[in-house]
Amino acid sequence: MKNDPIYAVEISFEEEPRMTLCKYVYSTLEHWDKPPSVSEHWFFYWPLYDGNNFTNHESENGVFRTVPNDEKTSEKYGKIQEVISKEIDLLPITSTNIKDRVFDELKRL
């Protein structure tokens, strides 16, 4: 594992089809002896949706910065410092604009 952010893409069809682009930032990953398994998906899911343990701060252009409320929560989620995320509408994504609308947007996070 590199000591760099971890990037993720979540796709949802619950209401309007949407994609959430995420950048998970950790102080270090040296304490991880292995990446989380599939059954540990909560490791990445809950920082985005647990309003009791994480706080969202909206930045510009629809970008959110989510931070743990305390050190105990940070420790529980692998010493997470923050999640930077942005929701985008999935319907306008095409083969001709996917690079700019998804991959370049991940780089801008």
PDB file of N, CA and C in Angstrom:
ATOM      1  N   MET A   1       0.834  -1.180   0.000  1.00  0.00           N
ATOM      2  CA  MET A   1       0.000   0.000   0.000  1.00  0.00           C
ATOM      3  C   MET A   1       0.881   1.245   0.000  1.00  0.00           C
ATOM      4  N   LYS A   2       0.508   2.200  -0.807  1.00  0.00           N
ATOM      5  CA  LYS A   2       1.211   3.473  -0.833  1.00  0.00           C
ATOM      6  C   LYS A   2       0.599   4.409   0.210  1.00  0.00           C
ATOM      7  N   ASN A   3       1.398   5.340   0.693  1.00  0.00           N
ATOM      8  CA  ASN A   3       0.886   6.360   1.596  1.00  0.00           C
ATOM      9  C   ASN A   3       0.311   7.514   0.787  1.00  0.00           C
ATOM     10  N   ASP A   4      -0.745   7.243   0.079  1.00  0.00           N
ATOM     11  CA  ASP A   4      -1.442   8.217  -0.747  1.00  0.00           C
ATOM     12  C   ASP A   4      -2.932   8.089  -0.467  1.00  0.00           C
ATOM     13  N   PRO A   5      -3.712   9.053  -0.921  1.00  0.00           N
ATOM     14  CA  PRO A   5      -5.169   8.927  -0.764  1.00  0.00           C
ATOM     15  C   PRO A   5      -5.701   7.692  -1.496  1.00  0.00           C
ATOM     16  N   ILE A   6      -6.862   7.253  -1.059  1.00  0.00           N
ATOM     17  CA  ILE A   6      -7.567   6.156  -1.716  1.00  0.00           C
ATOM     18  C   ILE A   6      -8.770   6.769  -2.423  1.00  0.00           C
ATOM     19  N   TYR A   7      -8.960   6.422  -3.686  1.00  0.00           N
ATOM     20  CA  TYR A   7     -10.055   6.976  -4.478  1.00  0.00           C
ATOM     21  C   TYR A   7     -11.142   5.925  -4.646  1.00  0.00           C
ATOM     22  N   ALA A   8     -12.387   6.387  -4.679  1.00  0.00           N
ATOM     23  CA  ALA A   8     -13.517   5.474  -4.846  1.00  0.00           C
ATOM     24  C   ALA A   8     -14.597   6.135  -5.675  1.00  0.00           C
ATOM     25  N   VAL A   9     -15.397   5.290  -6.311  1.00  0.00           N
ATOM     26  CA  VAL A   9     -16.554   5.744  -7.065  1.00  0.00           C
ATOM     27  C   VAL A   9     -17.738   4.918  -6.590  1.00  0.00           C
ATOM     28  N   GLU A  10     -18.808   5.608  -6.179  1.00  0.00           N
ATOM     29  CA  GLU A  10     -20.034   4.930  -5.764  1.00  0.00           C
ATOM     30  C   GLU A  10     -21.123   5.313  -6.763  1.00  0.00           C
ATOM     31  N   ILE A  11     -21.833   4.323  -7.264  1.00  0.00           N
ATOM     32  CA  ILE A  11     -22.919   4.577  -8.207  1.00  0.00           C
ATOM     33  C   ILE A  11     -24.220   4.185  -7.538  1.00  0.00           C
ATOM     34  N   SER A  12     -25.218   5.062  -7.629  1.00  0.00           N
ATOM     35  CA  SER A  12     -26.510   4.822  -6.999  1.00  0.00           C
ATOM     36  C   SER A  12     -27.627   5.034  -8.009  1.00  0.00           C
ATOM     37  N   PHE A  13     -28.614   4.136  -7.946  1.00  0.00           N
ATOM     38  CA  PHE A  13     -29.794   4.243  -8.794  1.00  0.00           C
ATOM     39  C   PHE A  13     -31.055   4.399  -7.947  1.00  0.00           C
ATOM     40  N   GLU A  14     -30.904   4.773  -6.671  1.00  0.00           N
ATOM     41  CA  GLU A  14     -32.053   4.873  -5.770  1.00  0.00           C
ATOM     42  C   GLU A  14     -33.059   5.914  -6.219  1.00  0.00           C
ATOM     43  N   GLU A  15     -32.620   7.096  -6.517  1.00  0.00           N
ATOM     44  CA  GLU A  15     -33.520   8.150  -7.002  1.00  0.00           C
ATOM     45  C   GLU A  15     -33.067   8.486  -8.414  1.00  0.00           C
ATOM     46  N   GLU A  16     -32.496   9.638  -8.593  1.00  0.00           N
ATOM     47  CA  GLU A  16     -31.886   9.973  -9.872  1.00  0.00           C
ATOM     48  C   GLU A  16     -30.540   9.252  -9.951  1.00  0.00           C
ATOM     49  N   PRO A  17     -30.212   8.649 -11.078  1.00  0.00           N
ATOM     50  CA  PRO A  17     -28.911   7.984 -11.177  1.00  0.00           C
ATOM     51  C   PRO A  17     -27.780   8.986 -10.917  1.00  0.00           C
ATOM     52  N   ARG A  18     -26.904   8.632  -9.978  1.00  0.00           N
ATOM     53  CA  ARG A  18     -25.827   9.543  -9.616  1.00  0.00           C
ATOM     54  C   ARG A  18     -24.568   8.763  -9.291  1.00  0.00           C
ATOM     55  N   MET A  19     -23.479   9.485  -9.326  1.00  0.00           N
ATOM     56  CA  MET A  19     -22.176   8.919  -9.031  1.00  0.00           C
ATOM     57  C   MET A  19     -21.526   9.816  -7.977  1.00  0.00           C
ATOM     58  N   THR A  20     -20.961   9.194  -6.952  1.00  0.00           N
ATOM     59  CA  THR A  20     -20.232   9.955  -5.948  1.00  0.00           C
ATOM     60  C   THR A  20     -18.753   9.630  -6.110  1.00  0.00           C
ATOM     61  N   LEU A  21     -17.960  10.649  -6.361  1.00  0.00           N
ATOM     62  CA  LEU A  21     -16.513  10.509  -6.497  1.00  0.00           C
ATOM     63  C   LEU A  21     -15.900  10.843  -5.146  1.00  0.00           C
ATOM     64  N   CYS A  22     -15.001  10.008  -4.655  1.00  0.00           N
ATOM     65  CA  CYS A  22     -14.465  10.180  -3.305  1.00  0.00           C
ATOM     66  C   CYS A  22     -12.943  10.070  -3.279  1.00  0.00           C
ATOM     67  N   LYS A  23     -12.387  10.860  -2.399  1.00  0.00           N
ATOM     68  CA  LYS A  23     -10.947  10.796  -2.112  1.00  0.00           C
ATOM     69  C   LYS A  23     -10.826  10.660  -0.594  1.00  0.00           C
ATOM     70  N   TYR A  24     -10.334   9.505  -0.129  1.00  0.00           N
ATOM     71  CA  TYR A  24     -10.163   9.226   1.299  1.00  0.00           C
ATOM     72  C   TYR A  24      -8.726   9.564   1.680  1.00  0.00           C
ATOM     73  N   VAL A  25      -8.570  10.448   2.660  1.00  0.00           N
ATOM     74  CA  VAL A  25      -7.253  10.922   3.052  1.00  0.00           C
ATOM     75  C   VAL A  25      -6.911  10.392   4.447  1.00  0.00           C
ATOM     76  N   TYR A  26      -5.739   9.788   4.558  1.00  0.00           N
ATOM     77  CA  TYR A  26      -5.237   9.227   5.816  1.00  0.00           C
ATOM     78  C   TYR A  26      -3.886   9.858   6.118  1.00  0.00           C
ATOM     79  N   SER A  27      -3.567   9.984   7.402  1.00  0.00           N
ATOM     80  CA  SER A  27      -2.256  10.530   7.771  1.00  0.00           C
ATOM     81  C   SER A  27      -1.152   9.605   7.270  1.00  0.00           C
ATOM     82  N   THR A  28      -1.393   8.327   7.380  1.00  0.00           N
ATOM     83  CA  THR A  28      -0.466   7.306   6.894  1.00  0.00           C
ATOM     84  C   THR A  28      -1.228   5.989   6.754  1.00  0.00           C
ATOM     85  N   LEU A  29      -0.737   5.123   5.911  1.00  0.00           N
ATOM     86  CA  LEU A  29      -1.320   3.785   5.782  1.00  0.00           C
ATOM     87  C   LEU A  29      -0.351   2.718   6.277  1.00  0.00           C
ATOM     88  N   GLU A  30       0.715   3.150   6.902  1.00  0.00           N
ATOM     89  CA  GLU A  30       1.734   2.197   7.360  1.00  0.00           C
ATOM     90  C   GLU A  30       1.203   1.213   8.396  1.00  0.00           C
ATOM     91  N   HIS A  31       0.189   1.604   9.149  1.00  0.00           N
ATOM     92  CA  HIS A  31      -0.374   0.719  10.167  1.00  0.00           C
ATOM     93  C   HIS A  31      -1.317  -0.328   9.572  1.00  0.00           C
ATOM     94  N   TRP A  32      -1.681  -0.183   8.294  1.00  0.00           N
ATOM     95  CA  TRP A  32      -2.532  -1.172   7.641  1.00  0.00           C
ATOM     96  C   TRP A  32      -1.655  -2.349   7.214  1.00  0.00           C
ATOM     97  N   ASP A  33      -1.939  -3.526   7.710  1.00  0.00           N
ATOM     98  CA  ASP A  33      -1.174  -4.695   7.267  1.00  0.00           C
ATOM     99  C   ASP A  33      -1.750  -5.279   5.983  1.00  0.00           C
ATOM    100  N   LYS A  34      -3.009  -4.909   5.667  1.00  0.00           N
ATOM    101  CA  LYS A  34      -3.635  -5.327   4.404  1.00  0.00           C
ATOM    102  C   LYS A  34      -4.794  -4.369   4.129  1.00  0.00           C
ATOM    103  N   PRO A  35      -5.202  -4.245   2.873  1.00  0.00           N
ATOM    104  CA  PRO A  35      -6.354  -3.395   2.582  1.00  0.00           C
ATOM    105  C   PRO A  35      -7.634  -4.015   3.139  1.00  0.00           C
ATOM    106  N   PRO A  36      -8.654  -3.226   3.391  1.00  0.00           N
ATOM    107  CA  PRO A  36      -9.924  -3.789   3.857  1.00  0.00           C
ATOM    108  C   PRO A  36     -10.493  -4.778   2.842  1.00  0.00           C
ATOM    109  N   SER A  37     -11.130  -5.816   3.342  1.00  0.00           N
ATOM    110  CA  SER A  37     -11.738  -6.826   2.469  1.00  0.00           C
ATOM    111  C   SER A  37     -13.115  -6.342   2.011  1.00  0.00           C
ATOM    112  N   VAL A  38     -13.724  -7.091   1.114  1.00  0.00           N
ATOM    113  CA  VAL A  38     -15.054  -6.747   0.613  1.00  0.00           C
ATOM    114  C   VAL A  38     -16.060  -6.687   1.762  1.00  0.00           C
ATOM    115  N   SER A  39     -15.950  -7.586   2.714  1.00  0.00           N
ATOM    116  CA  SER A  39     -16.886  -7.580   3.846  1.00  0.00           C
ATOM    117  C   SER A  39     -16.673  -6.379   4.766  1.00  0.00           C
ATOM    118  N   GLU A  40     -15.591  -5.653   4.576  1.00  0.00           N
ATOM    119  CA  GLU A  40     -15.324  -4.452   5.374  1.00  0.00           C
ATOM    120  C   GLU A  40     -15.643  -3.179   4.576  1.00  0.00           C
ATOM    121  N   HIS A  41     -16.620  -3.285   3.684  1.00  0.00           N
ATOM    122  CA  HIS A  41     -17.014  -2.131   2.862  1.00  0.00           C
ATOM    123  C   HIS A  41     -17.471  -0.953   3.715  1.00  0.00           C
ATOM    124  N   TRP A  42     -17.963  -1.231   4.907  1.00  0.00           N
ATOM    125  CA  TRP A  42     -18.403  -0.179   5.828  1.00  0.00           C
ATOM    126  C   TRP A  42     -17.281   0.810   6.129  1.00  0.00           C
ATOM    127  N   PHE A  43     -16.061   0.367   6.000  1.00  0.00           N
ATOM    128  CA  PHE A  43     -14.872   1.187   6.246  1.00  0.00           C
ATOM    129  C   PHE A  43     -14.875   2.441   5.372  1.00  0.00           C
ATOM    130  N   PHE A  44     -15.437   2.318   4.176  1.00  0.00           N
ATOM    131  CA  PHE A  44     -15.508   3.436   3.236  1.00  0.00           C
ATOM    132  C   PHE A  44     -16.922   4.014   3.129  1.00  0.00           C
ATOM    133  N   TYR A  45     -17.923   3.201   3.404  1.00  0.00           N
ATOM    134  CA  TYR A  45     -19.312   3.655   3.294  1.00  0.00           C
ATOM    135  C   TYR A  45     -19.693   4.637   4.406  1.00  0.00           C
ATOM    136  N   TRP A  46     -19.468   4.270   5.653  1.00  0.00           N
ATOM    137  CA  TRP A  46     -19.962   5.067   6.778  1.00  0.00           C
ATOM    138  C   TRP A  46     -19.355   6.455   6.912  1.00  0.00           C
ATOM    139  N   PRO A  47     -18.124   6.681   6.557  1.00  0.00           N
ATOM    140  CA  PRO A  47     -17.648   8.073   6.634  1.00  0.00           C
ATOM    141  C   PRO A  47     -18.487   9.045   5.792  1.00  0.00           C
ATOM    142  N   LEU A  48     -19.132   8.560   4.756  1.00  0.00           N
ATOM    143  CA  LEU A  48     -19.971   9.429   3.931  1.00  0.00           C
ATOM    144  C   LEU A  48     -21.380   9.598   4.489  1.00  0.00           C
ATOM    145  N   TYR A  49     -21.881   8.617   5.239  1.00  0.00           N
ATOM    146  CA  TYR A  49     -23.296   8.610   5.614  1.00  0.00           C
ATOM    147  C   TYR A  49     -23.576   8.634   7.110  1.00  0.00           C
ATOM    148  N   ASP A  50     -22.574   8.601   7.949  1.00  0.00           N
ATOM    149  CA  ASP A  50     -22.786   8.584   9.396  1.00  0.00           C
ATOM    150  C   ASP A  50     -22.679   9.997   9.963  1.00  0.00           C
ATOM    151  N   GLY A  51     -23.789  10.696   9.978  1.00  0.00           N
ATOM    152  CA  GLY A  51     -23.820  12.072  10.465  1.00  0.00           C
ATOM    153  C   GLY A  51     -23.595  12.205  11.959  1.00  0.00           C
ATOM    154  N   ASN A  52     -23.644  11.101  12.702  1.00  0.00           N
ATOM    155  CA  ASN A  52     -23.399  11.159  14.144  1.00  0.00           C
ATOM    156  C   ASN A  52     -21.911  11.191  14.472  1.00  0.00           C
ATOM    157  N   ASN A  53     -21.098  10.599  13.610  1.00  0.00           N
ATOM    158  CA  ASN A  53     -19.664  10.502  13.878  1.00  0.00           C
ATOM    159  C   ASN A  53     -18.790  11.290  12.918  1.00  0.00           C
ATOM    160  N   PHE A  54     -19.404  11.818  11.854  1.00  0.00           N
ATOM    161  CA  PHE A  54     -18.675  12.596  10.850  1.00  0.00           C
ATOM    162  C   PHE A  54     -19.442  13.891  10.565  1.00  0.00           C
ATOM    163  N   THR A  55     -18.720  14.929  10.235  1.00  0.00           N
ATOM    164  CA  THR A  55     -19.325  16.217   9.909  1.00  0.00           C
ATOM    165  C   THR A  55     -18.963  16.604   8.483  1.00  0.00           C
ATOM    166  N   ASN A  56     -19.975  17.045   7.725  1.00  0.00           N
ATOM    167  CA  ASN A  56     -19.776  17.495   6.342  1.00  0.00           C
ATOM    168  C   ASN A  56     -19.598  19.000   6.299  1.00  0.00           C
ATOM    169  N   HIS A  57     -18.673  19.437   5.488  1.00  0.00           N
ATOM    170  CA  HIS A  57     -18.462  20.850   5.227  1.00  0.00           C
ATOM    171  C   HIS A  57     -18.492  21.022   3.717  1.00  0.00           C
ATOM    172  N   GLU A  58     -19.420  21.842   3.226  1.00  0.00           N
ATOM    173  CA  GLU A  58     -19.492  22.052   1.779  1.00  0.00           C
ATOM    174  C   GLU A  58     -18.503  23.116   1.355  1.00  0.00           C
ATOM    175  N   SER A  59     -17.724  22.788   0.345  1.00  0.00           N
ATOM    176  CA  SER A  59     -16.780  23.731  -0.240  1.00  0.00           C
ATOM    177  C   SER A  59     -17.419  24.314  -1.496  1.00  0.00           C
ATOM    178  N   GLU A  60     -16.607  24.760  -2.392  1.00  0.00           N
ATOM    179  CA  GLU A  60     -17.118  25.311  -3.644  1.00  0.00           C
ATOM    180  C   GLU A  60     -17.399  24.219  -4.665  1.00  0.00           C
ATOM    181  N   ASN A  61     -18.233  24.532  -5.633  1.00  0.00           N
ATOM    182  CA  ASN A  61     -18.557  23.643  -6.755  1.00  0.00           C
ATOM    183  C   ASN A  61     -19.125  22.292  -6.336  1.00  0.00           C
ATOM    184  N   GLY A  62     -19.870  22.230  -5.237  1.00  0.00           N
ATOM    185  CA  GLY A  62     -20.498  20.989  -4.816  1.00  0.00           C
ATOM    186  C   GLY A  62     -19.552  19.962  -4.226  1.00  0.00           C
ATOM    187  N   VAL A  63     -18.366  20.376  -3.835  1.00  0.00           N
ATOM    188  CA  VAL A  63     -17.396  19.468  -3.216  1.00  0.00           C
ATOM    189  C   VAL A  63     -17.614  19.491  -1.702  1.00  0.00           C
ATOM    190  N   PHE A  64     -17.649  18.301  -1.101  1.00  0.00           N
ATOM    191  CA  PHE A  64     -17.830  18.183   0.338  1.00  0.00           C
ATOM    192  C   PHE A  64     -16.560  17.669   0.988  1.00  0.00           C
ATOM    193  N   ARG A  65     -16.276  18.179   2.156  1.00  0.00           N
ATOM    194  CA  ARG A  65     -15.164  17.701   2.986  1.00  0.00           C
ATOM    195  C   ARG A  65     -15.795  17.118   4.242  1.00  0.00           C
ATOM    196  N   THR A  66     -15.625  15.824   4.448  1.00  0.00           N
ATOM    197  CA  THR A  66     -16.210  15.123   5.585  1.00  0.00           C
ATOM    198  C   THR A  66     -15.086  14.733   6.539  1.00  0.00           C
ATOM    199  N   VAL A  67     -15.225  15.096   7.807  1.00  0.00           N
ATOM    200  CA  VAL A  67     -14.174  14.830   8.794  1.00  0.00           C
ATOM    201  C   VAL A  67     -14.765  14.087   9.988  1.00  0.00           C
ATOM    202  N   PRO A  68     -13.966  13.214  10.610  1.00  0.00           N
ATOM    203  CA  PRO A  68     -14.443  12.528  11.812  1.00  0.00           C
ATOM    204  C   PRO A  68     -14.613  13.532  12.955  1.00  0.00           C
ATOM    205  N   ASN A  69     -15.612  13.290  13.801  1.00  0.00           N
ATOM    206  CA  ASN A  69     -15.883  14.196  14.916  1.00  0.00           C
ATOM    207  C   ASN A  69     -14.885  14.070  16.063  1.00  0.00           C
ATOM    208  N   ASP A  70     -14.204  12.926  16.131  1.00  0.00           N
ATOM    209  CA  ASP A  70     -13.250  12.747  17.221  1.00  0.00           C
ATOM    210  C   ASP A  70     -12.180  11.720  16.828  1.00  0.00           C
ATOM    211  N   GLU A  71     -11.180  11.614  17.666  1.00  0.00           N
ATOM    212  CA  GLU A  71     -10.048  10.707  17.401  1.00  0.00           C
ATOM    213  C   GLU A  71     -10.480   9.237  17.410  1.00  0.00           C
ATOM    214  N   LYS A  72     -11.431   8.889  18.268  1.00  0.00           N
ATOM    215  CA  LYS A  72     -11.911   7.497  18.345  1.00  0.00           C
ATOM    216  C   LYS A  72     -12.525   7.063  17.008  1.00  0.00           C
ATOM    217  N   THR A  73     -13.313   7.950  16.406  1.00  0.00           N
ATOM    218  CA  THR A  73     -13.902   7.648  15.096  1.00  0.00           C
ATOM    219  C   THR A  73     -12.826   7.535  14.029  1.00  0.00           C
ATOM    220  N   SER A  74     -11.865   8.438  14.056  1.00  0.00           N
ATOM    221  CA  SER A  74     -10.758   8.384  13.103  1.00  0.00           C
ATOM    222  C   SER A  74     -10.032   7.045  13.201  1.00  0.00           C
ATOM    223  N   GLU A  75      -9.744   6.615  14.415  1.00  0.00           N
ATOM    224  CA  GLU A  75      -9.051   5.332  14.641  1.00  0.00           C
ATOM    225  C   GLU A  75      -9.873   4.161  14.104  1.00  0.00           C
ATOM    226  N   LYS A  76     -11.181   4.170  14.371  1.00  0.00           N
ATOM    227  CA  LYS A  76     -12.061   3.075  13.944  1.00  0.00           C
ATOM    228  C   LYS A  76     -12.025   2.888  12.432  1.00  0.00           C
ATOM    229  N   TYR A  77     -11.864   3.990  11.705  1.00  0.00           N
ATOM    230  CA  TYR A  77     -11.864   3.953  10.242  1.00  0.00           C
ATOM    231  C   TYR A  77     -10.459   4.093   9.663  1.00  0.00           C
ATOM    232  N   GLY A  78      -9.496   3.491  10.313  1.00  0.00           N
ATOM    233  CA  GLY A  78      -8.136   3.411   9.771  1.00  0.00           C
ATOM    234  C   GLY A  78      -7.339   4.687   9.874  1.00  0.00           C
ATOM    235  N   LYS A  79      -7.637   5.508  10.876  1.00  0.00           N
ATOM    236  CA  LYS A  79      -6.971   6.804  11.085  1.00  0.00           C
ATOM    237  C   LYS A  79      -7.287   7.779   9.953  1.00  0.00           C
ATOM    238  N   ILE A  80      -8.529   7.755   9.527  1.00  0.00           N
ATOM    239  CA  ILE A  80      -8.965   8.644   8.449  1.00  0.00           C
ATOM    240  C   ILE A  80      -8.904  10.098   8.913  1.00  0.00           C
ATOM    241  N   GLN A  81      -8.452  10.967   8.026  1.00  0.00           N
ATOM    242  CA  GLN A  81      -8.412  12.392   8.323  1.00  0.00           C
ATOM    243  C   GLN A  81      -9.610  13.105   7.711  1.00  0.00           C
ATOM    244  N   GLU A  82      -9.927  12.763   6.464  1.00  0.00           N
ATOM    245  CA  GLU A  82     -11.058  13.392   5.788  1.00  0.00           C
ATOM    246  C   GLU A  82     -11.428  12.608   4.544  1.00  0.00           C
ATOM    247  N   VAL A  83     -12.650  12.860   4.076  1.00  0.00           N
ATOM    248  CA  VAL A  83     -13.113  12.356   2.789  1.00  0.00           C
ATOM    249  C   VAL A  83     -13.536  13.574   1.982  1.00  0.00           C
ATOM    250  N   ILE A  84     -13.006  13.692   0.796  1.00  0.00           N
ATOM    251  CA  ILE A  84     -13.393  14.772  -0.110  1.00  0.00           C
ATOM    252  C   ILE A  84     -14.238  14.110  -1.194  1.00  0.00           C
ATOM    253  N   SER A  85     -15.459  14.618  -1.383  1.00  0.00           N
ATOM    254  CA  SER A  85     -16.367  13.955  -2.320  1.00  0.00           C
ATOM    255  C   SER A  85     -17.175  14.952  -3.126  1.00  0.00           C
ATOM    256  N   LYS A  86     -17.685  14.440  -4.231  1.00  0.00           N
ATOM    257  CA  LYS A  86     -18.546  15.248  -5.106  1.00  0.00           C
ATOM    258  C   LYS A  86     -19.524  14.321  -5.796  1.00  0.00           C
ATOM    259  N   GLU A  87     -20.798  14.698  -5.774  1.00  0.00           N
ATOM    260  CA  GLU A  87     -21.819  13.947  -6.490  1.00  0.00           C
ATOM    261  C   GLU A  87     -21.979  14.530  -7.882  1.00  0.00           C
ATOM    262  N   ILE A  88     -22.109  13.638  -8.855  1.00  0.00           N
ATOM    263  CA  ILE A  88     -22.378  14.089 -10.218  1.00  0.00           C
ATOM    264  C   ILE A  88     -23.527  13.270 -10.793  1.00  0.00           C
ATOM    265  N   ASP A  89     -24.258  13.886 -11.701  1.00  0.00           N
ATOM    266  CA  ASP A  89     -25.357  13.222 -12.380  1.00  0.00           C
ATOM    267  C   ASP A  89     -24.787  12.172 -13.328  1.00  0.00           C
ATOM    268  N   LEU A  90     -25.313  10.986 -13.259  1.00  0.00           N
ATOM    269  CA  LEU A  90     -24.791   9.879 -14.065  1.00  0.00           C
ATOM    270  C   LEU A  90     -25.290   9.912 -15.511  1.00  0.00           C
ATOM    271  N   LEU A  91     -26.476  10.428 -15.742  1.00  0.00           N
ATOM    272  CA  LEU A  91     -27.063  10.376 -17.088  1.00  0.00           C
ATOM    273  C   LEU A  91     -26.253  11.094 -18.161  1.00  0.00           C
ATOM    274  N   PRO A  92     -25.640  12.256 -17.903  1.00  0.00           N
ATOM    275  CA  PRO A  92     -24.885  12.925 -18.975  1.00  0.00           C
ATOM    276  C   PRO A  92     -23.522  12.295 -19.290  1.00  0.00           C
ATOM    277  N   ILE A  93     -23.103  11.278 -18.537  1.00  0.00           N
ATOM    278  CA  ILE A  93     -21.802  10.646 -18.782  1.00  0.00           C
ATOM    279  C   ILE A  93     -21.879   9.806 -20.048  1.00  0.00           C
ATOM    280  N   THR A  94     -20.940  10.070 -20.966  1.00  0.00           N
ATOM    281  CA  THR A  94     -20.875   9.318 -22.224  1.00  0.00           C
ATOM    282  C   THR A  94     -19.438   8.846 -22.440  1.00  0.00           C
ATOM    283  N   SER A  95     -19.252   8.054 -23.459  1.00  0.00           N
ATOM    284  CA  SER A  95     -17.900   7.581 -23.772  1.00  0.00           C
ATOM    285  C   SER A  95     -16.991   8.720 -24.203  1.00  0.00           C
ATOM    286  N   THR A  96     -17.554   9.799 -24.690  1.00  0.00           N
ATOM    287  CA  THR A  96     -16.721  10.918 -25.138  1.00  0.00           C
ATOM    288  C   THR A  96     -16.366  11.898 -24.020  1.00  0.00           C
ATOM    289  N   ASN A  97     -17.149  11.930 -22.934  1.00  0.00           N
ATOM    290  CA  ASN A  97     -16.841  12.885 -21.861  1.00  0.00           C
ATOM    291  C   ASN A  97     -16.450  12.237 -20.536  1.00  0.00           C
ATOM    292  N   ILE A  98     -16.360  10.914 -20.491  1.00  0.00           N
ATOM    293  CA  ILE A  98     -16.078  10.233 -19.227  1.00  0.00           C
ATOM    294  C   ILE A  98     -14.714  10.625 -18.641  1.00  0.00           C
ATOM    295  N   LYS A  99     -13.742  10.871 -19.493  1.00  0.00           N
ATOM    296  CA  LYS A  99     -12.422  11.257 -18.994  1.00  0.00           C
ATOM    297  C   LYS A  99     -12.510  12.555 -18.206  1.00  0.00           C
ATOM    298  N   ASP A 100     -13.135  13.554 -18.779  1.00  0.00           N
ATOM    299  CA  ASP A 100     -13.240  14.840 -18.093  1.00  0.00           C
ATOM    300  C   ASP A 100     -14.222  14.789 -16.931  1.00  0.00           C
ATOM    301  N   ARG A 101     -15.393  14.195 -17.116  1.00  0.00           N
ATOM    302  CA  ARG A 101     -16.455  14.232 -16.108  1.00  0.00           C
ATOM    303  C   ARG A 101     -16.192  13.323 -14.910  1.00  0.00           C
ATOM    304  N   VAL A 102     -15.390  12.266 -15.099  1.00  0.00           N
ATOM    305  CA  VAL A 102     -15.135  11.339 -13.992  1.00  0.00           C
ATOM    306  C   VAL A 102     -13.658  11.342 -13.593  1.00  0.00           C
ATOM    307  N   PHE A 103     -12.793  10.946 -14.493  1.00  0.00           N
ATOM    308  CA  PHE A 103     -11.391  10.762 -14.122  1.00  0.00           C
ATOM    309  C   PHE A 103     -10.667  12.079 -13.831  1.00  0.00           C
ATOM    310  N   ASP A 104     -10.894  13.089 -14.636  1.00  0.00           N
ATOM    311  CA  ASP A 104     -10.279  14.384 -14.353  1.00  0.00           C
ATOM    312  C   ASP A 104     -10.878  15.017 -13.095  1.00  0.00           C
ATOM    313  N   GLU A 105     -12.156  14.767 -12.866  1.00  0.00           N
ATOM    314  CA  GLU A 105     -12.812  15.282 -11.654  1.00  0.00           C
ATOM    315  C   GLU A 105     -12.222  14.617 -10.401  1.00  0.00           C
ATOM    316  N   LEU A 106     -11.907  13.337 -10.494  1.00  0.00           N
ATOM    317  CA  LEU A 106     -11.233  12.656  -9.365  1.00  0.00           C
ATOM    318  C   LEU A 106      -9.888  13.310  -9.083  1.00  0.00           C
ATOM    319  N   LYS A 107      -9.152  13.656 -10.116  1.00  0.00           N
ATOM    320  CA  LYS A 107      -7.852  14.328  -9.922  1.00  0.00           C
ATOM    321  C   LYS A 107      -8.030  15.686  -9.260  1.00  0.00           C
ATOM    322  N   ARG A 108      -9.117  16.389  -9.582  1.00  0.00           N
ATOM    323  CA  ARG A 108      -9.354  17.723  -9.009  1.00  0.00           C
ATOM    324  C   ARG A 108      -9.765  17.671  -7.546  1.00  0.00           C
ATOM    325  N   LEU A 109     -10.229  16.517  -7.082  1.00  0.00           N
ATOM    326  CA  LEU A 109     -10.598  16.421  -5.669  1.00  0.00           C
ATOM    327  C   LEU A 109      -9.358  16.611  -4.829  1.00  0.00           C
TER     328      LEU A 109
END
